[in-house]
């Protein structure tokens, strides 16, 4: 084997290793972002439920509109 083919093989291995490392980092970042979005969604739902319980509709169940 000549020197160029050995260095080319090592370069390919290095590129493959770097690509795998970057892919793993991207997956971790996406997983963290998804976790944050789910937590934010849960907090938003809880605040909506609390607001609904704290301020119910002013005429809910008190007035019935009927036409005959």
N, C-alpha and C. Protein backbone atom coordinates (compact mmCIF):
# COMPACT_ATOMS: atom_id res chain seq x y z
N UNK A 1 0.84 -1.18 0.00
CA UNK A 1 0.00 0.00 0.00
C UNK A 1 0.89 1.25 0.00
N UNK A 2 0.42 2.23 -0.69
CA UNK A 2 1.19 3.46 -0.67
C UNK A 2 0.65 4.41 0.41
N UNK A 3 1.37 5.48 0.63
CA UNK A 3 1.05 6.41 1.70
C UNK A 3 -0.30 7.10 1.47
N UNK A 4 -0.63 7.41 0.23
CA UNK A 4 -1.89 8.11 -0.05
C UNK A 4 -3.10 7.26 0.28
N UNK A 5 -3.04 5.99 -0.02
CA UNK A 5 -4.19 5.13 0.28
C UNK A 5 -4.37 4.94 1.79
N UNK A 6 -3.26 4.86 2.53
CA UNK A 6 -3.35 4.73 3.99
C UNK A 6 -3.93 6.00 4.60
N UNK A 7 -3.44 7.14 4.15
CA UNK A 7 -3.95 8.41 4.68
C UNK A 7 -5.40 8.62 4.26
N UNK A 8 -5.77 8.19 3.05
CA UNK A 8 -7.15 8.30 2.60
C UNK A 8 -8.08 7.47 3.45
N UNK A 9 -7.66 6.26 3.80
CA UNK A 9 -8.47 5.38 4.65
C UNK A 9 -8.63 5.99 6.04
N UNK A 10 -7.56 6.54 6.58
CA UNK A 10 -7.63 7.17 7.90
C UNK A 10 -8.52 8.40 7.88
N UNK A 11 -8.45 9.15 6.79
CA UNK A 11 -9.31 10.33 6.66
C UNK A 11 -10.78 9.92 6.60
N UNK A 12 -11.08 8.86 5.86
CA UNK A 12 -12.46 8.37 5.79
C UNK A 12 -12.95 7.92 7.15
N UNK A 13 -12.11 7.24 7.91
CA UNK A 13 -12.49 6.80 9.25
C UNK A 13 -12.73 8.00 10.17
N UNK A 14 -11.88 8.99 10.06
CA UNK A 14 -12.04 10.20 10.88
C UNK A 14 -13.33 10.92 10.53
N UNK A 15 -13.63 11.05 9.24
CA UNK A 15 -14.87 11.71 8.82
C UNK A 15 -16.09 10.94 9.32
N UNK A 16 -16.03 9.63 9.26
CA UNK A 16 -17.13 8.80 9.73
C UNK A 16 -17.34 8.99 11.24
N UNK A 17 -16.24 9.01 11.97
CA UNK A 17 -16.31 9.21 13.42
C UNK A 17 -16.90 10.57 13.77
N UNK A 18 -16.46 11.60 13.08
CA UNK A 18 -16.97 12.96 13.33
C UNK A 18 -18.45 13.03 12.98
N UNK A 19 -18.85 12.43 11.86
CA UNK A 19 -20.26 12.44 11.46
C UNK A 19 -21.13 11.74 12.49
N UNK A 20 -20.68 10.60 13.01
CA UNK A 20 -21.44 9.90 14.04
C UNK A 20 -21.55 10.72 15.32
N UNK A 21 -20.46 11.38 15.68
CA UNK A 21 -20.46 12.22 16.87
C UNK A 21 -21.44 13.38 16.71
N UNK A 22 -21.43 14.01 15.55
CA UNK A 22 -22.35 15.12 15.31
C UNK A 22 -23.79 14.64 15.29
N UNK A 23 -24.05 13.48 14.73
CA UNK A 23 -25.40 12.93 14.71
C UNK A 23 -25.90 12.67 16.13
N UNK A 24 -25.03 12.14 16.96
CA UNK A 24 -25.41 11.88 18.36
C UNK A 24 -25.71 13.18 19.09
N UNK A 25 -24.91 14.21 18.86
CA UNK A 25 -25.14 15.51 19.50
C UNK A 25 -26.48 16.10 19.04
N UNK A 26 -26.77 15.99 17.75
CA UNK A 26 -28.03 16.52 17.22
C UNK A 26 -29.22 15.78 17.82
N UNK A 27 -29.11 14.46 17.94
CA UNK A 27 -30.21 13.68 18.53
C UNK A 27 -30.43 14.09 19.99
N UNK A 28 -29.36 14.30 20.73
CA UNK A 28 -29.49 14.73 22.13
C UNK A 28 -30.14 16.10 22.22
N UNK A 29 -29.75 17.00 21.31
CA UNK A 29 -30.34 18.34 21.30
C UNK A 29 -31.83 18.28 20.99
N UNK A 30 -32.19 17.46 20.01
CA UNK A 30 -33.60 17.33 19.65
C UNK A 30 -34.41 16.70 20.78
N UNK A 31 -33.84 15.72 21.46
CA UNK A 31 -34.53 15.09 22.58
C UNK A 31 -34.74 16.10 23.70
N UNK A 32 -33.74 16.93 23.97
CA UNK A 32 -33.88 17.95 25.01
C UNK A 32 -34.94 18.98 24.62
N UNK A 33 -34.97 19.36 23.36
CA UNK A 33 -35.98 20.32 22.90
C UNK A 33 -37.38 19.74 23.00
N UNK A 34 -37.53 18.48 22.65
CA UNK A 34 -38.84 17.83 22.75
C UNK A 34 -39.29 17.74 24.20
N UNK A 35 -38.39 17.43 25.09
CA UNK A 35 -38.72 17.36 26.52
C UNK A 35 -39.17 18.73 27.03
N UNK A 36 -38.47 19.77 26.63
CA UNK A 36 -38.83 21.13 27.04
C UNK A 36 -40.21 21.50 26.50
N UNK A 37 -40.48 21.16 25.25
CA UNK A 37 -41.79 21.48 24.67
C UNK A 37 -42.91 20.76 25.40
N UNK A 38 -42.70 19.50 25.77
CA UNK A 38 -43.72 18.74 26.49
C UNK A 38 -43.95 19.35 27.87
N UNK A 39 -42.88 19.73 28.55
CA UNK A 39 -43.02 20.35 29.87
C UNK A 39 -43.76 21.69 29.77
N UNK A 40 -43.42 22.49 28.76
CA UNK A 40 -44.10 23.77 28.56
C UNK A 40 -45.57 23.56 28.25
N UNK A 41 -45.88 22.55 27.45
CA UNK A 41 -47.26 22.25 27.12
C UNK A 41 -48.04 21.85 28.37
N UNK A 42 -47.42 21.03 29.20
CA UNK A 42 -48.07 20.60 30.44
C UNK A 42 -48.34 21.78 31.35
N UNK A 43 -47.37 22.68 31.48
CA UNK A 43 -47.56 23.87 32.31
C UNK A 43 -48.65 24.77 31.75
N UNK A 44 -48.71 24.90 30.43
CA UNK A 44 -49.75 25.72 29.81
C UNK A 44 -51.13 25.13 30.07
N UNK A 45 -51.24 23.82 29.94
CA UNK A 45 -52.52 23.16 30.21
C UNK A 45 -52.95 23.35 31.66
N UNK A 46 -52.01 23.25 32.58
CA UNK A 46 -52.34 23.43 34.00
C UNK A 46 -52.78 24.86 34.27
N UNK A 47 -52.12 25.83 33.67
CA UNK A 47 -52.51 27.23 33.90
C UNK A 47 -53.88 27.52 33.29
N UNK A 48 -54.19 26.90 32.17
CA UNK A 48 -55.52 27.08 31.56
C UNK A 48 -56.59 26.48 32.45
N UNK A 49 -56.32 25.29 33.00
CA UNK A 49 -57.29 24.66 33.89
C UNK A 49 -57.50 25.49 35.16
N UNK A 50 -56.43 26.04 35.69
CA UNK A 50 -56.55 26.87 36.89
C UNK A 50 -57.32 28.14 36.59
N UNK A 51 -57.09 28.73 35.44
CA UNK A 51 -57.80 29.96 35.07
C UNK A 51 -59.28 29.66 34.87
N UNK A 52 -59.59 28.53 34.30
CA UNK A 52 -60.98 28.15 34.07
C UNK A 52 -61.70 27.92 35.39
N UNK A 53 -61.03 27.29 36.33
CA UNK A 53 -61.65 27.03 37.63
C UNK A 53 -61.78 28.31 38.44
N UNK A 54 -60.84 29.22 38.29
CA UNK A 54 -60.87 30.46 39.06
C UNK A 54 -61.92 31.44 38.54
N UNK A 55 -62.17 31.44 37.25
CA UNK A 55 -63.12 32.37 36.66
C UNK A 55 -64.09 31.62 35.74
N UNK A 56 -65.11 31.00 36.33
CA UNK A 56 -66.07 30.27 35.50
C UNK A 56 -66.91 31.24 34.67
N UNK A 57 -67.60 30.70 33.71
CA UNK A 57 -68.46 31.51 32.86
C UNK A 57 -69.53 32.20 33.71
N UNK A 58 -69.80 33.49 33.48
CA UNK A 58 -70.69 34.24 34.38
C UNK A 58 -72.14 33.76 34.39
N UNK A 59 -72.63 33.21 33.30
CA UNK A 59 -74.03 32.78 33.30
C UNK A 59 -74.20 31.28 33.06
N UNK A 60 -73.16 30.54 33.25
CA UNK A 60 -73.19 29.11 33.01
C UNK A 60 -74.19 28.43 33.95
N UNK A 61 -75.21 27.82 33.38
CA UNK A 61 -76.19 27.09 34.14
C UNK A 61 -77.24 27.94 34.82
N UNK A 62 -77.24 29.26 34.61
CA UNK A 62 -78.18 30.15 35.28
C UNK A 62 -79.26 30.65 34.33
N UNK A 63 -78.94 30.77 33.05
CA UNK A 63 -79.87 31.33 32.09
C UNK A 63 -80.05 30.32 30.93
N UNK A 64 -81.31 30.11 30.55
CA UNK A 64 -81.60 29.24 29.42
C UNK A 64 -82.34 30.05 28.38
N UNK A 65 -81.85 30.07 27.16
CA UNK A 65 -82.53 30.75 26.07
C UNK A 65 -83.43 29.76 25.34
N UNK A 66 -84.74 30.10 25.26
CA UNK A 66 -85.70 29.22 24.57
C UNK A 66 -86.59 30.02 23.68
N UNK A 67 -86.92 29.46 22.52
CA UNK A 67 -87.91 30.05 21.64
C UNK A 67 -89.01 29.04 21.43
N UNK A 68 -90.24 29.55 21.48
CA UNK A 68 -91.39 28.65 21.28
C UNK A 68 -92.12 29.05 20.02
